[in-house]
Amino acid sequence: MMVGLPLHADNIGDITELRGIGAVLRDDTYTAEVGLDIQQMDDVRTGNGRLAISFLDDSKVRLTEHSKLVIDKVVFNPDPNKSEMALKFASGTARFITGKLGRIDKKNISIKTPTATIGIRGTDFTTTVDELGRSLIILLPDENGNSSGEITVETWAGVEILNEPFQATMVQTLDSQPTKPVVL
């Protein structure tokens, strides 16, 4: 059953852009619409659509068609040591743009795919998870073409660091080493 806006909210952000079809699953299924509050543990999905979520700290996540993102925990506090973000990206393509999140201790940030854990420090990057769970991670440049920060891509078998514009790594399985980074 698809319903409108929820009546209760512990708002950690909201949907700021929408083209096409999307949904937010929590205690019910909500049709995605601009202005819909996003809460802890929301499962955000797109069908034939794209959407963007803006969090309270100005971080943004943009999802393309047929994507799935679970928001485990987002805590924004003026004290960067008390802020946290934990997301699980299951499928599709997402672009993550950090706001004030870039000042948070990177141990308080966890973005997981089926095959990798991504640690971020002040970055703009994309990740694509295919139907087999493989992850492609690309560090994007800042507005001047310079590195937007640094990402660590970690699996049970090792870690790779991305710190150059358009540097990318691929992860096949959680127990395989990420590929050596290449610049696209």
N, C-alpha and C. Protein backbone atom coordinates (compact mmCIF):
# COMPACT_ATOMS: atom_id res chain seq x y z
N MET A 1 0.83 -1.18 0.00
CA MET A 1 0.00 0.00 0.00
C MET A 1 0.87 1.24 0.00
N MET A 2 0.68 2.13 -0.94
CA MET A 2 1.45 3.37 -1.03
C MET A 2 0.64 4.47 -0.34
N VAL A 3 1.31 5.22 0.54
CA VAL A 3 0.63 6.29 1.25
C VAL A 3 1.43 7.56 1.10
N GLY A 4 0.88 8.68 1.58
CA GLY A 4 1.53 9.99 1.49
C GLY A 4 2.55 10.19 2.59
N LEU A 5 2.78 11.42 2.94
CA LEU A 5 3.78 11.78 3.94
C LEU A 5 3.45 11.19 5.30
N PRO A 6 4.46 10.73 6.04
CA PRO A 6 4.20 10.20 7.38
C PRO A 6 3.83 11.32 8.34
N LEU A 7 3.11 10.96 9.39
CA LEU A 7 2.68 11.95 10.37
C LEU A 7 3.73 12.18 11.45
N HIS A 8 4.65 11.24 11.65
CA HIS A 8 5.70 11.38 12.66
C HIS A 8 7.05 11.47 11.95
N ALA A 9 8.01 12.13 12.57
CA ALA A 9 9.31 12.21 11.90
C ALA A 9 10.42 12.55 12.87
N ASP A 10 11.49 11.79 12.79
CA ASP A 10 12.76 12.14 13.40
C ASP A 10 13.65 12.45 12.21
N ASN A 11 13.44 13.61 11.63
CA ASN A 11 14.02 14.00 10.37
C ASN A 11 15.55 14.10 10.44
N ILE A 12 16.24 13.36 9.56
CA ILE A 12 17.69 13.49 9.42
C ILE A 12 18.03 14.07 8.05
N GLY A 13 17.02 14.31 7.25
CA GLY A 13 17.18 14.87 5.92
C GLY A 13 15.87 14.78 5.18
N ASP A 14 15.92 15.09 3.89
CA ASP A 14 14.71 14.97 3.09
C ASP A 14 15.06 14.77 1.62
N ILE A 15 14.06 14.36 0.87
CA ILE A 15 14.23 14.20 -0.57
C ILE A 15 14.16 15.59 -1.19
N THR A 16 15.22 15.96 -1.92
CA THR A 16 15.29 17.30 -2.49
C THR A 16 15.16 17.32 -4.00
N GLU A 17 15.29 16.17 -4.64
CA GLU A 17 15.11 16.07 -6.09
C GLU A 17 14.44 14.73 -6.39
N LEU A 18 13.59 14.73 -7.40
CA LEU A 18 12.94 13.48 -7.81
C LEU A 18 12.53 13.57 -9.27
N ARG A 19 12.91 12.56 -10.02
CA ARG A 19 12.43 12.37 -11.39
C ARG A 19 12.04 10.92 -11.51
N GLY A 20 10.80 10.66 -11.83
CA GLY A 20 10.35 9.28 -12.00
C GLY A 20 9.84 8.69 -10.70
N ILE A 21 10.11 7.37 -10.52
CA ILE A 21 9.49 6.60 -9.44
C ILE A 21 10.51 6.26 -8.36
N GLY A 22 10.08 6.44 -7.11
CA GLY A 22 10.89 6.04 -5.96
C GLY A 22 9.99 5.76 -4.78
N ALA A 23 10.56 5.11 -3.76
CA ALA A 23 9.79 4.79 -2.56
C ALA A 23 10.71 4.79 -1.35
N VAL A 24 10.12 5.02 -0.19
CA VAL A 24 10.81 4.94 1.09
C VAL A 24 10.06 3.93 1.94
N LEU A 25 10.78 2.87 2.35
CA LEU A 25 10.18 1.84 3.19
C LEU A 25 10.62 2.06 4.62
N ARG A 26 9.67 2.13 5.53
CA ARG A 26 9.96 2.16 6.97
C ARG A 26 8.86 1.40 7.66
N ASP A 27 7.97 2.02 8.38
CA ASP A 27 6.85 1.30 9.00
C ASP A 27 5.75 1.00 7.99
N ASP A 28 5.86 1.60 6.81
CA ASP A 28 4.94 1.41 5.70
C ASP A 28 5.75 1.76 4.45
N THR A 29 5.14 1.77 3.30
CA THR A 29 5.81 2.18 2.08
C THR A 29 5.28 3.55 1.69
N TYR A 30 6.18 4.50 1.53
CA TYR A 30 5.81 5.87 1.18
C TYR A 30 6.29 6.16 -0.23
N THR A 31 5.43 6.75 -1.03
CA THR A 31 5.82 7.18 -2.37
C THR A 31 6.81 8.32 -2.21
N ALA A 32 7.94 8.22 -2.91
CA ALA A 32 8.95 9.28 -2.84
C ALA A 32 8.38 10.55 -3.45
N GLU A 33 8.60 11.66 -2.77
CA GLU A 33 8.22 12.97 -3.28
C GLU A 33 9.15 14.00 -2.66
N VAL A 34 9.36 15.08 -3.38
CA VAL A 34 10.23 16.15 -2.88
C VAL A 34 9.65 16.64 -1.56
N GLY A 35 10.52 16.76 -0.55
CA GLY A 35 10.11 17.22 0.77
C GLY A 35 9.85 16.10 1.75
N LEU A 36 9.75 14.85 1.29
CA LEU A 36 9.52 13.72 2.20
C LEU A 36 10.68 13.61 3.17
N ASP A 37 10.38 13.58 4.47
CA ASP A 37 11.42 13.44 5.49
C ASP A 37 12.08 12.08 5.38
N ILE A 38 13.38 12.05 5.64
CA ILE A 38 14.16 10.82 5.69
C ILE A 38 14.53 10.57 7.14
N GLN A 39 14.42 9.32 7.58
CA GLN A 39 14.65 8.95 8.98
C GLN A 39 15.67 7.82 9.07
N GLN A 40 16.16 7.58 10.31
CA GLN A 40 17.04 6.44 10.56
C GLN A 40 16.34 5.18 10.09
N MET A 41 17.08 4.24 9.56
CA MET A 41 16.61 2.93 9.12
C MET A 41 15.68 2.96 7.90
N ASP A 42 15.57 4.09 7.23
CA ASP A 42 14.79 4.12 5.99
C ASP A 42 15.49 3.30 4.91
N ASP A 43 14.70 2.63 4.11
CA ASP A 43 15.15 1.86 2.96
C ASP A 43 14.64 2.65 1.75
N VAL A 44 15.55 3.31 1.05
CA VAL A 44 15.18 4.19 -0.06
C VAL A 44 15.46 3.46 -1.37
N ARG A 45 14.46 3.42 -2.25
CA ARG A 45 14.59 2.68 -3.50
C ARG A 45 14.10 3.53 -4.66
N THR A 46 14.74 3.32 -5.81
CA THR A 46 14.25 3.93 -7.03
C THR A 46 13.85 2.83 -7.99
N GLY A 47 12.85 3.11 -8.80
CA GLY A 47 12.47 2.23 -9.90
C GLY A 47 12.99 2.89 -11.16
N ASN A 48 12.10 3.27 -12.04
CA ASN A 48 12.49 4.05 -13.21
C ASN A 48 12.52 5.51 -12.82
N GLY A 49 13.45 5.84 -11.96
CA GLY A 49 13.55 7.21 -11.48
C GLY A 49 14.87 7.48 -10.80
N ARG A 50 15.06 8.74 -10.48
CA ARG A 50 16.26 9.20 -9.78
C ARG A 50 15.80 10.11 -8.65
N LEU A 51 16.57 10.08 -7.57
CA LEU A 51 16.24 11.00 -6.49
C LEU A 51 17.50 11.42 -5.75
N ALA A 52 17.39 12.53 -5.04
CA ALA A 52 18.49 13.04 -4.22
C ALA A 52 17.98 13.26 -2.81
N ILE A 53 18.83 12.90 -1.84
CA ILE A 53 18.56 13.13 -0.43
C ILE A 53 19.58 14.12 0.08
N SER A 54 19.12 15.15 0.79
CA SER A 54 20.01 16.09 1.46
C SER A 54 19.87 15.87 2.95
N PHE A 55 21.01 15.63 3.62
CA PHE A 55 21.01 15.42 5.06
C PHE A 55 21.19 16.75 5.79
N LEU A 56 20.97 16.75 7.10
CA LEU A 56 21.03 17.96 7.91
C LEU A 56 22.39 18.66 7.85
N ASP A 57 23.47 17.92 7.59
CA ASP A 57 24.81 18.52 7.53
C ASP A 57 25.19 18.96 6.12
N ASP A 58 24.24 18.97 5.19
CA ASP A 58 24.44 19.34 3.80
C ASP A 58 25.10 18.25 2.96
N SER A 59 25.31 17.06 3.51
CA SER A 59 25.76 15.94 2.69
C SER A 59 24.61 15.54 1.79
N LYS A 60 24.95 15.00 0.62
CA LYS A 60 23.92 14.61 -0.34
C LYS A 60 24.21 13.22 -0.87
N VAL A 61 23.15 12.49 -1.17
CA VAL A 61 23.23 11.21 -1.85
C VAL A 61 22.28 11.29 -3.03
N ARG A 62 22.79 10.98 -4.21
CA ARG A 62 21.95 10.94 -5.41
C ARG A 62 21.89 9.50 -5.90
N LEU A 63 20.68 8.99 -6.06
CA LEU A 63 20.47 7.61 -6.52
C LEU A 63 19.97 7.63 -7.95
N THR A 64 20.52 6.74 -8.78
CA THR A 64 20.03 6.59 -10.15
C THR A 64 18.95 5.51 -10.18
N GLU A 65 18.54 5.14 -11.37
CA GLU A 65 17.48 4.14 -11.55
C GLU A 65 17.86 2.81 -10.90
N HIS A 66 16.85 2.15 -10.35
CA HIS A 66 16.96 0.79 -9.79
C HIS A 66 18.06 0.69 -8.72
N SER A 67 18.05 1.65 -7.80
CA SER A 67 19.03 1.67 -6.71
C SER A 67 18.33 1.41 -5.38
N LYS A 68 19.14 0.93 -4.41
CA LYS A 68 18.62 0.66 -3.07
C LYS A 68 19.66 1.10 -2.05
N LEU A 69 19.23 1.95 -1.11
CA LEU A 69 20.09 2.48 -0.05
C LEU A 69 19.36 2.35 1.28
N VAL A 70 20.03 1.76 2.27
CA VAL A 70 19.47 1.68 3.63
C VAL A 70 20.27 2.65 4.51
N ILE A 71 19.55 3.53 5.18
CA ILE A 71 20.17 4.53 6.04
C ILE A 71 20.14 4.00 7.46
N ASP A 72 21.23 3.36 7.88
CA ASP A 72 21.29 2.77 9.21
C ASP A 72 21.31 3.83 10.29
N LYS A 73 22.20 4.83 10.14
CA LYS A 73 22.34 5.83 11.20
C LYS A 73 22.96 7.10 10.64
N VAL A 74 22.35 8.22 10.96
CA VAL A 74 22.93 9.52 10.64
C VAL A 74 22.70 10.40 11.85
N VAL A 75 23.81 10.87 12.42
CA VAL A 75 23.75 11.78 13.57
C VAL A 75 24.60 12.98 13.21
N PHE A 76 23.98 14.16 13.15
CA PHE A 76 24.74 15.37 12.91
C PHE A 76 24.78 16.17 14.19
N ASN A 77 26.00 16.50 14.62
CA ASN A 77 26.21 17.27 15.84
C ASN A 77 27.23 18.35 15.50
N PRO A 78 27.06 19.57 16.02
CA PRO A 78 28.06 20.61 15.75
C PRO A 78 29.48 20.18 16.15
N ASP A 79 29.59 19.27 17.13
CA ASP A 79 30.88 18.70 17.50
C ASP A 79 31.14 17.52 16.56
N PRO A 80 32.11 17.66 15.62
CA PRO A 80 32.34 16.60 14.62
C PRO A 80 32.66 15.24 15.23
N ASN A 81 33.18 15.19 16.46
CA ASN A 81 33.49 13.91 17.10
C ASN A 81 32.23 13.14 17.51
N LYS A 82 31.10 13.82 17.58
CA LYS A 82 29.85 13.19 17.98
C LYS A 82 28.93 12.88 16.80
N SER A 83 29.35 13.27 15.60
CA SER A 83 28.57 13.00 14.40
C SER A 83 28.91 11.62 13.86
N GLU A 84 27.92 10.99 13.22
CA GLU A 84 28.10 9.65 12.66
C GLU A 84 27.26 9.48 11.40
N MET A 85 27.73 8.58 10.52
CA MET A 85 26.93 8.20 9.36
C MET A 85 27.23 6.74 9.04
N ALA A 86 26.16 5.95 8.89
CA ALA A 86 26.28 4.54 8.50
C ALA A 86 25.21 4.26 7.45
N LEU A 87 25.65 3.92 6.24
CA LEU A 87 24.75 3.64 5.13
C LEU A 87 25.11 2.30 4.51
N LYS A 88 24.10 1.62 3.97
CA LYS A 88 24.33 0.39 3.20
C LYS A 88 23.76 0.61 1.81
N PHE A 89 24.63 0.48 0.83
CA PHE A 89 24.20 0.64 -0.55
C PHE A 89 24.16 -0.73 -1.19
N ALA A 90 22.97 -1.20 -1.56
CA ALA A 90 22.79 -2.58 -2.00
C ALA A 90 22.86 -2.76 -3.51
N SER A 91 22.38 -1.78 -4.28
CA SER A 91 22.36 -1.96 -5.73
C SER A 91 22.18 -0.62 -6.43
N GLY A 92 22.55 -0.59 -7.73
CA GLY A 92 22.40 0.61 -8.53
C GLY A 92 23.63 1.48 -8.48
N THR A 93 23.42 2.78 -8.70
CA THR A 93 24.52 3.74 -8.68
C THR A 93 24.13 4.90 -7.77
N ALA A 94 25.07 5.31 -6.94
CA ALA A 94 24.85 6.44 -6.03
C ALA A 94 26.05 7.37 -6.09
N ARG A 95 25.78 8.65 -5.94
CA ARG A 95 26.83 9.65 -5.80
C ARG A 95 26.72 10.21 -4.40
N PHE A 96 27.84 10.22 -3.67
CA PHE A 96 27.89 10.72 -2.31
C PHE A 96 28.71 12.00 -2.30
N ILE A 97 28.13 13.08 -1.78
CA ILE A 97 28.82 14.36 -1.69
C ILE A 97 28.78 14.78 -0.23
N THR A 98 29.94 14.87 0.40
CA THR A 98 29.97 15.21 1.81
C THR A 98 29.79 16.71 1.99
N GLY A 99 29.07 17.08 3.04
CA GLY A 99 28.93 18.47 3.45
C GLY A 99 29.86 18.68 4.62
N LYS A 100 29.28 19.00 5.76
CA LYS A 100 30.08 19.14 6.98
C LYS A 100 30.59 17.78 7.44
N LEU A 101 30.06 16.71 6.83
CA LEU A 101 30.49 15.36 7.13
C LEU A 101 31.99 15.20 6.91
N GLY A 102 32.57 15.98 6.01
CA GLY A 102 33.99 15.90 5.73
C GLY A 102 34.86 16.21 6.94
N ARG A 103 34.30 16.88 7.95
CA ARG A 103 35.06 17.21 9.17
C ARG A 103 34.95 16.13 10.24
N ILE A 104 34.06 15.17 10.04
CA ILE A 104 33.85 14.10 11.02
C ILE A 104 35.03 13.15 10.99
N ASP A 105 35.38 12.63 12.15
CA ASP A 105 36.42 11.61 12.24
C ASP A 105 36.00 10.45 11.34
N LYS A 106 36.87 10.05 10.41
CA LYS A 106 36.47 9.04 9.43
C LYS A 106 36.08 7.71 10.05
N LYS A 107 36.49 7.44 11.29
CA LYS A 107 36.08 6.18 11.93
C LYS A 107 34.59 6.20 12.27
N ASN A 108 33.96 7.39 12.24
CA ASN A 108 32.53 7.52 12.53
C ASN A 108 31.66 7.45 11.28
N ILE A 109 32.29 7.18 10.11
CA ILE A 109 31.56 7.12 8.85
C ILE A 109 31.74 5.73 8.25
N SER A 110 30.64 5.10 7.90
CA SER A 110 30.69 3.77 7.29
C SER A 110 29.68 3.69 6.16
N ILE A 111 30.20 3.47 4.96
CA ILE A 111 29.34 3.24 3.81
C ILE A 111 29.70 1.85 3.31
N LYS A 112 28.73 0.95 3.33
CA LYS A 112 28.98 -0.43 2.95
C LYS A 112 28.24 -0.79 1.67
N THR A 113 28.91 -1.61 0.86
CA THR A 113 28.28 -2.25 -0.29
C THR A 113 28.33 -3.75 0.01
N PRO A 114 27.75 -4.58 -0.82
CA PRO A 114 27.83 -6.03 -0.54
C PRO A 114 29.27 -6.56 -0.50
N THR A 115 30.22 -5.85 -1.14
CA THR A 115 31.58 -6.36 -1.23
C THR A 115 32.65 -5.47 -0.61
N ALA A 116 32.30 -4.28 -0.12
CA ALA A 116 33.34 -3.37 0.38
C ALA A 116 32.79 -2.43 1.44
N THR A 117 33.71 -1.91 2.25
CA THR A 117 33.41 -0.82 3.17
C THR A 117 34.19 0.39 2.69
N ILE A 118 33.50 1.52 2.56
CA ILE A 118 34.12 2.73 2.03
C ILE A 118 34.25 3.74 3.16
N GLY A 119 35.48 4.16 3.41
CA GLY A 119 35.75 5.21 4.39
C GLY A 119 36.00 6.50 3.64
N ILE A 120 35.43 7.60 4.12
CA ILE A 120 35.54 8.86 3.38
C ILE A 120 36.10 9.97 4.25
N ARG A 121 36.75 10.91 3.60
CA ARG A 121 37.22 12.13 4.25
C ARG A 121 37.06 13.26 3.23
N GLY A 122 35.99 14.04 3.40
CA GLY A 122 35.75 15.21 2.57
C GLY A 122 35.69 14.93 1.08
N THR A 123 34.84 14.04 0.64
CA THR A 123 34.90 13.60 -0.74
C THR A 123 33.59 13.71 -1.50
N ASP A 124 33.75 13.59 -2.80
CA ASP A 124 32.66 13.47 -3.76
C ASP A 124 33.00 12.22 -4.57
N PHE A 125 32.17 11.20 -4.50
CA PHE A 125 32.48 9.97 -5.21
C PHE A 125 31.21 9.25 -5.61
N THR A 126 31.38 8.30 -6.55
CA THR A 126 30.26 7.45 -6.94
C THR A 126 30.61 6.00 -6.64
N THR A 127 29.58 5.22 -6.43
CA THR A 127 29.74 3.77 -6.34
C THR A 127 28.61 3.13 -7.11
N THR A 128 28.96 2.08 -7.83
CA THR A 128 27.97 1.31 -8.57
C THR A 128 28.06 -0.13 -8.09
N VAL A 129 26.91 -0.70 -7.75
CA VAL A 129 26.84 -2.10 -7.34
C VAL A 129 26.00 -2.82 -8.38
N ASP A 130 26.60 -3.84 -9.02
CA ASP A 130 25.87 -4.56 -10.06
C ASP A 130 25.03 -5.69 -9.47
N GLU A 131 24.35 -6.44 -10.35
CA GLU A 131 23.44 -7.48 -9.90
C GLU A 131 24.15 -8.63 -9.18
N LEU A 132 25.46 -8.74 -9.32
CA LEU A 132 26.23 -9.77 -8.60
C LEU A 132 26.84 -9.25 -7.31
N GLY A 133 26.62 -7.97 -7.01
CA GLY A 133 27.15 -7.38 -5.79
C GLY A 133 28.52 -6.76 -5.94
N ARG A 134 29.11 -6.83 -7.14
CA ARG A 134 30.43 -6.22 -7.36
C ARG A 134 30.32 -4.71 -7.25
N SER A 135 31.37 -4.08 -6.70
CA SER A 135 31.35 -2.64 -6.45
C SER A 135 32.43 -1.93 -7.25
N LEU A 136 32.05 -0.86 -7.94
CA LEU A 136 32.98 0.04 -8.62
C LEU A 136 32.91 1.36 -7.89
N ILE A 137 34.05 1.87 -7.41
CA ILE A 137 34.10 3.12 -6.66
C ILE A 137 35.00 4.08 -7.41
N ILE A 138 34.52 5.32 -7.64
CA ILE A 138 35.27 6.34 -8.39
C ILE A 138 35.30 7.62 -7.57
N LEU A 139 36.49 8.15 -7.31
CA LEU A 139 36.64 9.45 -6.64
C LEU A 139 36.48 10.54 -7.68
N LEU A 140 35.59 11.48 -7.43
CA LEU A 140 35.34 12.57 -8.37
C LEU A 140 36.14 13.80 -7.97
N PRO A 141 36.43 14.68 -8.93
CA PRO A 141 37.18 15.89 -8.61
C PRO A 141 36.30 16.96 -7.96
N ASP A 142 36.96 17.95 -7.35
CA ASP A 142 36.21 19.10 -6.85
C ASP A 142 35.92 20.04 -8.03
N GLU A 143 35.33 21.19 -7.76
CA GLU A 143 34.93 22.10 -8.84
C GLU A 143 36.11 22.65 -9.63
N ASN A 144 37.34 22.56 -9.09
CA ASN A 144 38.55 23.03 -9.79
C ASN A 144 39.30 21.90 -10.49
N GLY A 145 38.77 20.68 -10.43
CA GLY A 145 39.43 19.55 -11.06
C GLY A 145 40.46 18.86 -10.18
N ASN A 146 40.59 19.31 -8.93
CA ASN A 146 41.52 18.70 -7.99
C ASN A 146 40.84 17.57 -7.22
N SER A 147 41.61 16.83 -6.47
CA SER A 147 41.05 15.76 -5.65
C SER A 147 40.05 16.35 -4.66
N SER A 148 38.91 15.70 -4.53
CA SER A 148 37.88 16.17 -3.58
C SER A 148 38.10 15.60 -2.19
N GLY A 149 39.16 14.82 -2.00
CA GLY A 149 39.45 14.22 -0.70
C GLY A 149 40.08 12.86 -0.89
N GLU A 150 39.75 11.97 0.01
CA GLU A 150 40.34 10.64 -0.01
C GLU A 150 39.31 9.61 0.42
N ILE A 151 39.36 8.43 -0.23
CA ILE A 151 38.48 7.32 0.14
C ILE A 151 39.35 6.09 0.38
N THR A 152 38.98 5.33 1.39
CA THR A 152 39.58 4.01 1.56
C THR A 152 38.52 2.99 1.16
N VAL A 153 38.92 2.00 0.40
CA VAL A 153 38.03 0.91 -0.01
C VAL A 153 38.60 -0.35 0.61
N GLU A 154 37.84 -0.93 1.53
CA GLU A 154 38.35 -2.03 2.33
C GLU A 154 37.49 -3.28 2.19
N THR A 155 38.18 -4.42 2.10
CA THR A 155 37.53 -5.73 2.12
C THR A 155 38.25 -6.56 3.18
N TRP A 156 37.82 -7.81 3.35
CA TRP A 156 38.51 -8.70 4.28
C TRP A 156 39.94 -8.98 3.83
N ALA A 157 40.22 -8.80 2.53
CA ALA A 157 41.53 -9.15 1.97
C ALA A 157 42.49 -7.97 1.84
N GLY A 158 42.02 -6.74 2.02
CA GLY A 158 42.93 -5.61 1.89
C GLY A 158 42.24 -4.28 1.72
N VAL A 159 43.07 -3.24 1.54
CA VAL A 159 42.60 -1.86 1.45
C VAL A 159 43.28 -1.18 0.27
N GLU A 160 42.53 -0.36 -0.44
CA GLU A 160 43.09 0.53 -1.46
C GLU A 160 42.64 1.95 -1.12
N ILE A 161 43.49 2.92 -1.42
CA ILE A 161 43.20 4.32 -1.15
C ILE A 161 43.06 5.06 -2.47
N LEU A 162 41.98 5.82 -2.61
CA LEU A 162 41.76 6.66 -3.78
C LEU A 162 41.93 8.11 -3.34
N ASN A 163 42.85 8.86 -4.00
CA ASN A 163 43.06 10.25 -3.63
C ASN A 163 43.36 11.15 -4.82
N GLU A 164 43.13 10.64 -6.04
CA GLU A 164 43.32 11.42 -7.26
C GLU A 164 41.99 11.53 -8.00
N PRO A 165 41.73 12.66 -8.68
CA PRO A 165 40.47 12.79 -9.43
C PRO A 165 40.30 11.65 -10.43
N PHE A 166 39.12 11.08 -10.48
CA PHE A 166 38.72 9.99 -11.37
C PHE A 166 39.49 8.70 -11.14
N GLN A 167 40.09 8.56 -9.96
CA GLN A 167 40.73 7.30 -9.62
C GLN A 167 39.63 6.30 -9.24
N ALA A 168 39.80 5.04 -9.66
CA ALA A 168 38.75 4.05 -9.45
C ALA A 168 39.34 2.72 -9.02
N THR A 169 38.52 1.94 -8.31
CA THR A 169 38.86 0.57 -7.95
C THR A 169 37.59 -0.28 -8.06
N MET A 170 37.79 -1.56 -8.27
CA MET A 170 36.68 -2.50 -8.39
C MET A 170 36.86 -3.59 -7.34
N VAL A 171 35.74 -4.03 -6.75
CA VAL A 171 35.78 -5.10 -5.77
C VAL A 171 34.83 -6.20 -6.24
N GLN A 172 35.37 -7.41 -6.38
CA GLN A 172 34.57 -8.54 -6.87
C GLN A 172 33.76 -9.20 -5.76
N THR A 173 34.44 -9.48 -4.62
CA THR A 173 33.80 -10.14 -3.49
C THR A 173 34.36 -9.55 -2.21
N LEU A 174 33.66 -9.77 -1.10
CA LEU A 174 34.10 -9.24 0.18
C LEU A 174 35.44 -9.83 0.61
N ASP A 175 35.77 -11.04 0.14
CA ASP A 175 37.04 -11.65 0.53
C ASP A 175 38.11 -11.56 -0.55
N SER A 176 37.91 -10.68 -1.55
CA SER A 176 38.94 -10.44 -2.57
C SER A 176 39.52 -9.04 -2.39
N GLN A 177 40.77 -8.88 -2.76
CA GLN A 177 41.47 -7.59 -2.69
C GLN A 177 40.83 -6.62 -3.69
N PRO A 178 40.62 -5.34 -3.30
CA PRO A 178 40.19 -4.36 -4.32
C PRO A 178 41.27 -4.26 -5.40
N THR A 179 40.88 -3.98 -6.64
CA THR A 179 41.86 -3.85 -7.71
C THR A 179 42.75 -2.64 -7.45
N LYS A 180 43.95 -2.67 -8.00
CA LYS A 180 44.83 -1.51 -7.90
C LYS A 180 44.13 -0.33 -8.55
N PRO A 181 44.16 0.85 -7.91
CA PRO A 181 43.46 2.01 -8.48
C PRO A 181 44.00 2.41 -9.85
N VAL A 182 43.11 2.80 -10.72
CA VAL A 182 43.45 3.35 -12.04
C VAL A 182 42.72 4.68 -12.19
N VAL A 183 43.29 5.56 -12.99
CA VAL A 183 42.64 6.84 -13.28
C VAL A 183 41.88 6.68 -14.58
N LEU A 184 40.59 6.96 -14.52
CA LEU A 184 39.72 6.81 -15.71
C LEU A 184 39.81 8.03 -16.60
